Amino acid sequence: MLEKAKEYKINVSEVLRKDLEEEVRKKEEEQARRLLDLASKEIVKINTDEVVGELKK
């Protein structure tokens, strides 16, 4: 495969770097979505009346 890439003058390191960057970006987005989902599930547990009461003190 490397020989074919050289034959077609494909910069293998550049292709690998771009693909790796894209894969890391996807994984970071997935992790951010999971954390956001978890945070949203926890936020609904907060009693807003209690928060308002504490803020008024």
PDB file of N, CA and C in Angstrom:
ATOM      1  N   MET A   1       0.827  -1.190   0.000  1.00  0.00           N
ATOM      2  CA  MET A   1       0.000   0.000   0.000  1.00  0.00           C
ATOM      3  C   MET A   1       0.874   1.257   0.000  1.00  0.00           C
ATOM      4  N   LEU A   2       1.940   1.215   0.766  1.00  0.00           N
ATOM      5  CA  LEU A   2       2.836   2.368   0.824  1.00  0.00           C
ATOM      6  C   LEU A   2       3.450   2.643  -0.549  1.00  0.00           C
ATOM      7  N   GLU A   3       3.772   1.567  -1.267  1.00  0.00           N
ATOM      8  CA  GLU A   3       4.335   1.733  -2.613  1.00  0.00           C
ATOM      9  C   GLU A   3       3.332   2.406  -3.543  1.00  0.00           C
ATOM     10  N   LYS A   4       2.073   2.012  -3.450  1.00  0.00           N
ATOM     11  CA  LYS A   4       1.025   2.630  -4.274  1.00  0.00           C
ATOM     12  C   LYS A   4       0.890   4.114  -3.921  1.00  0.00           C
ATOM     13  N   ALA A   5       0.943   4.422  -2.629  1.00  0.00           N
ATOM     14  CA  ALA A   5       0.841   5.813  -2.195  1.00  0.00           C
ATOM     15  C   ALA A   5       1.985   6.634  -2.789  1.00  0.00           C
ATOM     16  N   LYS A   6       3.174   6.072  -2.759  1.00  0.00           N
ATOM     17  CA  LYS A   6       4.326   6.770  -3.341  1.00  0.00           C
ATOM     18  C   LYS A   6       4.142   6.937  -4.840  1.00  0.00           C
ATOM     19  N   GLU A   7       3.617   5.904  -5.486  1.00  0.00           N
ATOM     20  CA  GLU A   7       3.382   5.934  -6.931  1.00  0.00           C
ATOM     21  C   GLU A   7       2.425   7.076  -7.297  1.00  0.00           C
ATOM     22  N   TYR A   8       1.421   7.281  -6.474  1.00  0.00           N
ATOM     23  CA  TYR A   8       0.444   8.336  -6.725  1.00  0.00           C
ATOM     24  C   TYR A   8       0.813   9.653  -6.045  1.00  0.00           C
ATOM     25  N   LYS A   9       2.012   9.689  -5.502  1.00  0.00           N
ATOM     26  CA  LYS A   9       2.551  10.885  -4.844  1.00  0.00           C
ATOM     27  C   LYS A   9       1.629  11.383  -3.728  1.00  0.00           C
ATOM     28  N   ILE A  10       1.188  10.440  -2.909  1.00  0.00           N
ATOM     29  CA  ILE A  10       0.352  10.761  -1.757  1.00  0.00           C
ATOM     30  C   ILE A  10       1.258  10.976  -0.555  1.00  0.00           C
ATOM     31  N   ASN A  11       1.075  12.082   0.113  1.00  0.00           N
ATOM     32  CA  ASN A  11       1.846  12.383   1.311  1.00  0.00           C
ATOM     33  C   ASN A  11       1.209  11.612   2.472  1.00  0.00           C
ATOM     34  N   VAL A  12       1.758  10.448   2.757  1.00  0.00           N
ATOM     35  CA  VAL A  12       1.178   9.538   3.742  1.00  0.00           C
ATOM     36  C   VAL A  12       1.128  10.175   5.126  1.00  0.00           C
ATOM     37  N   SER A  13       2.183  10.830   5.527  1.00  0.00           N
ATOM     38  CA  SER A  13       2.199  11.420   6.870  1.00  0.00           C
ATOM     39  C   SER A  13       1.134  12.506   7.004  1.00  0.00           C
ATOM     40  N   GLU A  14       0.907  13.267   5.949  1.00  0.00           N
ATOM     41  CA  GLU A  14      -0.125  14.304   5.990  1.00  0.00           C
ATOM     42  C   GLU A  14      -1.522  13.679   6.077  1.00  0.00           C
ATOM     43  N   VAL A  15      -1.747  12.635   5.303  1.00  0.00           N
ATOM     44  CA  VAL A  15      -3.039  11.946   5.334  1.00  0.00           C
ATOM     45  C   VAL A  15      -3.279  11.349   6.716  1.00  0.00           C
ATOM     46  N   LEU A  16      -2.268  10.708   7.271  1.00  0.00           N
ATOM     47  CA  LEU A  16      -2.396  10.116   8.601  1.00  0.00           C
ATOM     48  C   LEU A  16      -2.657  11.177   9.665  1.00  0.00           C
ATOM     49  N   ARG A  17      -1.949  12.288   9.576  1.00  0.00           N
ATOM     50  CA  ARG A  17      -2.123  13.367  10.547  1.00  0.00           C
ATOM     51  C   ARG A  17      -3.540  13.923  10.487  1.00  0.00           C
ATOM     52  N   LYS A  18      -4.026  14.182   9.280  1.00  0.00           N
ATOM     53  CA  LYS A  18      -5.377  14.728   9.131  1.00  0.00           C
ATOM     54  C   LYS A  18      -6.427  13.745   9.642  1.00  0.00           C
ATOM     55  N   ASP A  19      -6.272  12.475   9.295  1.00  0.00           N
ATOM     56  CA  ASP A  19      -7.226  11.462   9.760  1.00  0.00           C
ATOM     57  C   ASP A  19      -7.180  11.310  11.277  1.00  0.00           C
ATOM     58  N   LEU A  20      -5.998  11.355  11.841  1.00  0.00           N
ATOM     59  CA  LEU A  20      -5.854  11.243  13.290  1.00  0.00           C
ATOM     60  C   LEU A  20      -6.483  12.452  13.988  1.00  0.00           C
ATOM     61  N   GLU A  21      -6.245  13.638  13.450  1.00  0.00           N
ATOM     62  CA  GLU A  21      -6.856  14.843  14.016  1.00  0.00           C
ATOM     63  C   GLU A  21      -8.379  14.742  13.981  1.00  0.00           C
ATOM     64  N   GLU A  22      -8.921  14.267  12.875  1.00  0.00           N
ATOM     65  CA  GLU A  22     -10.371  14.123  12.733  1.00  0.00           C
ATOM     66  C   GLU A  22     -10.924  13.108  13.729  1.00  0.00           C
ATOM     67  N   GLU A  23     -10.235  12.001  13.894  1.00  0.00           N
ATOM     68  CA  GLU A  23     -10.692  10.969  14.827  1.00  0.00           C
ATOM     69  C   GLU A  23     -10.647  11.474  16.266  1.00  0.00           C
ATOM     70  N   VAL A  24      -9.601  12.201  16.621  1.00  0.00           N
ATOM     71  CA  VAL A  24      -9.500  12.776  17.967  1.00  0.00           C
ATOM     72  C   VAL A  24     -10.625  13.789  18.177  1.00  0.00           C
ATOM     73  N   ARG A  25     -10.899  14.617  17.176  1.00  0.00           N
ATOM     74  CA  ARG A  25     -11.981  15.599  17.267  1.00  0.00           C
ATOM     75  C   ARG A  25     -13.325  14.904  17.501  1.00  0.00           C
ATOM     76  N   LYS A  26     -13.568  13.819  16.769  1.00  0.00           N
ATOM     77  CA  LYS A  26     -14.814  13.063  16.939  1.00  0.00           C
ATOM     78  C   LYS A  26     -14.933  12.501  18.355  1.00  0.00           C
ATOM     79  N   LYS A  27     -13.847  11.937  18.866  1.00  0.00           N
ATOM     80  CA  LYS A  27     -13.864  11.360  20.214  1.00  0.00           C
ATOM     81  C   LYS A  27     -14.091  12.444  21.264  1.00  0.00           C
ATOM     82  N   GLU A  28     -13.478  13.609  21.076  1.00  0.00           N
ATOM     83  CA  GLU A  28     -13.676  14.713  22.017  1.00  0.00           C
ATOM     84  C   GLU A  28     -15.130  15.182  21.998  1.00  0.00           C
ATOM     85  N   GLU A  29     -15.729  15.234  20.803  1.00  0.00           N
ATOM     86  CA  GLU A  29     -17.136  15.616  20.698  1.00  0.00           C
ATOM     87  C   GLU A  29     -18.031  14.595  21.380  1.00  0.00           C
ATOM     88  N   GLU A  30     -17.738  13.312  21.176  1.00  0.00           N
ATOM     89  CA  GLU A  30     -18.520  12.254  21.825  1.00  0.00           C
ATOM     90  C   GLU A  30     -18.445  12.384  23.345  1.00  0.00           C
ATOM     91  N   GLN A  31     -17.250  12.622  23.856  1.00  0.00           N
ATOM     92  CA  GLN A  31     -17.070  12.765  25.295  1.00  0.00           C
ATOM     93  C   GLN A  31     -17.822  13.995  25.811  1.00  0.00           C
ATOM     94  N   ALA A  32     -17.746  15.088  25.080  1.00  0.00           N
ATOM     95  CA  ALA A  32     -18.450  16.306  25.486  1.00  0.00           C
ATOM     96  C   ALA A  32     -19.959  16.068  25.507  1.00  0.00           C
ATOM     97  N   ARG A  33     -20.469  15.334  24.519  1.00  0.00           N
ATOM     98  CA  ARG A  33     -21.904  15.032  24.479  1.00  0.00           C
ATOM     99  C   ARG A  33     -22.317  14.156  25.661  1.00  0.00           C
ATOM    100  N   ARG A  34     -21.481  13.164  25.996  1.00  0.00           N
ATOM    101  CA  ARG A  34     -21.784  12.302  27.143  1.00  0.00           C
ATOM    102  C   ARG A  34     -21.811  13.113  28.439  1.00  0.00           C
ATOM    103  N   LEU A  35     -20.823  13.984  28.606  1.00  0.00           N
ATOM    104  CA  LEU A  35     -20.768  14.815  29.811  1.00  0.00           C
ATOM    105  C   LEU A  35     -21.945  15.785  29.872  1.00  0.00           C
ATOM    106  N   LEU A  36     -22.312  16.345  28.735  1.00  0.00           N
ATOM    107  CA  LEU A  36     -23.455  17.251  28.687  1.00  0.00           C
ATOM    108  C   LEU A  36     -24.740  16.511  29.037  1.00  0.00           C
ATOM    109  N   ASP A  37     -24.880  15.296  28.537  1.00  0.00           N
ATOM    110  CA  ASP A  37     -26.048  14.476  28.851  1.00  0.00           C
ATOM    111  C   ASP A  37     -26.105  14.183  30.347  1.00  0.00           C
ATOM    112  N   LEU A  38     -24.969  13.818  30.917  1.00  0.00           N
ATOM    113  CA  LEU A  38     -24.904  13.541  32.350  1.00  0.00           C
ATOM    114  C   LEU A  38     -25.246  14.792  33.165  1.00  0.00           C
ATOM    115  N   ALA A  39     -24.675  15.918  32.771  1.00  0.00           N
ATOM    116  CA  ALA A  39     -24.939  17.173  33.483  1.00  0.00           C
ATOM    117  C   ALA A  39     -26.417  17.544  33.402  1.00  0.00           C
ATOM    118  N   SER A  40     -27.020  17.364  32.233  1.00  0.00           N
ATOM    119  CA  SER A  40     -28.435  17.730  32.099  1.00  0.00           C
ATOM    120  C   SER A  40     -29.316  16.836  32.961  1.00  0.00           C
ATOM    121  N   LYS A  41     -28.935  15.572  33.124  1.00  0.00           N
ATOM    122  CA  LYS A  41     -29.695  14.665  33.988  1.00  0.00           C
ATOM    123  C   LYS A  41     -29.564  15.067  35.454  1.00  0.00           C
ATOM    124  N   GLU A  42     -28.409  15.583  35.835  1.00  0.00           N
ATOM    125  CA  GLU A  42     -28.201  16.014  37.214  1.00  0.00           C
ATOM    126  C   GLU A  42     -28.899  17.344  37.497  1.00  0.00           C
ATOM    127  N   ILE A  43     -28.905  18.227  36.523  1.00  0.00           N
ATOM    128  CA  ILE A  43     -29.504  19.549  36.709  1.00  0.00           C
ATOM    129  C   ILE A  43     -30.997  19.447  37.000  1.00  0.00           C
ATOM    130  N   VAL A  44     -31.682  18.510  36.359  1.00  0.00           N
ATOM    131  CA  VAL A  44     -33.129  18.398  36.585  1.00  0.00           C
ATOM    132  C   VAL A  44     -33.446  17.973  38.015  1.00  0.00           C
ATOM    133  N   LYS A  45     -32.463  17.440  38.721  1.00  0.00           N
ATOM    134  CA  LYS A  45     -32.664  17.010  40.103  1.00  0.00           C
ATOM    135  C   LYS A  45     -32.636  18.186  41.085  1.00  0.00           C
ATOM    136  N   ILE A  46     -32.158  19.330  40.630  1.00  0.00           N
ATOM    137  CA  ILE A  46     -32.022  20.491  41.507  1.00  0.00           C
ATOM    138  C   ILE A  46     -33.398  21.109  41.753  1.00  0.00           C
ATOM    139  N   ASN A  47     -33.706  21.341  43.003  1.00  0.00           N
ATOM    140  CA  ASN A  47     -34.968  21.967  43.385  1.00  0.00           C
ATOM    141  C   ASN A  47     -34.818  23.477  43.235  1.00  0.00           C
ATOM    142  N   THR A  48     -35.500  24.041  42.249  1.00  0.00           N
ATOM    143  CA  THR A  48     -35.346  25.473  41.964  1.00  0.00           C
ATOM    144  C   THR A  48     -35.852  26.343  43.107  1.00  0.00           C
ATOM    145  N   ASP A  49     -36.870  25.885  43.815  1.00  0.00           N
ATOM    146  CA  ASP A  49     -37.372  26.668  44.950  1.00  0.00           C
ATOM    147  C   ASP A  49     -36.301  26.810  46.030  1.00  0.00           C
ATOM    148  N   GLU A  50     -35.558  25.744  46.262  1.00  0.00           N
ATOM    149  CA  GLU A  50     -34.476  25.804  47.252  1.00  0.00           C
ATOM    150  C   GLU A  50     -33.386  26.767  46.802  1.00  0.00           C
ATOM    151  N   VAL A  51     -33.059  26.731  45.524  1.00  0.00           N
ATOM    152  CA  VAL A  51     -32.016  27.618  44.996  1.00  0.00           C
ATOM    153  C   VAL A  51     -32.455  29.068  45.149  1.00  0.00           C
ATOM    154  N   VAL A  52     -33.689  29.355  44.774  1.00  0.00           N
ATOM    155  CA  VAL A  52     -34.206  30.722  44.891  1.00  0.00           C
ATOM    156  C   VAL A  52     -34.191  31.162  46.350  1.00  0.00           C
ATOM    157  N   GLY A  53     -34.606  30.276  47.237  1.00  0.00           N
ATOM    158  CA  GLY A  53     -34.592  30.595  48.660  1.00  0.00           C
ATOM    159  C   GLY A  53     -33.205  30.914  49.164  1.00  0.00           C
ATOM    160  N   GLU A  54     -32.226  30.147  48.738  1.00  0.00           N
ATOM    161  CA  GLU A  54     -30.840  30.390  49.156  1.00  0.00           C
ATOM    162  C   GLU A  54     -30.316  31.706  48.599  1.00  0.00           C
ATOM    163  N   LEU A  55     -30.698  32.031  47.383  1.00  0.00           N
ATOM    164  CA  LEU A  55     -30.228  33.276  46.774  1.00  0.00           C
ATOM    165  C   LEU A  55     -30.835  34.502  47.450  1.00  0.00           C
ATOM    166  N   LYS A  56     -32.025  34.354  47.970  1.00  0.00           N
ATOM    167  CA  LYS A  56     -32.695  35.480  48.624  1.00  0.00           C
ATOM    168  C   LYS A  56     -32.152  35.755  50.015  1.00  0.00           C
ATOM    169  N   LYS A  57     -31.417  34.828  50.573  1.00  0.00           N
ATOM    170  CA  LYS A  57     -30.873  35.000  51.933  1.00  0.00           C
ATOM    171  C   LYS A  57     -29.829  36.085  51.973  1.00  0.00           C
TER     172      LYS A  57
END
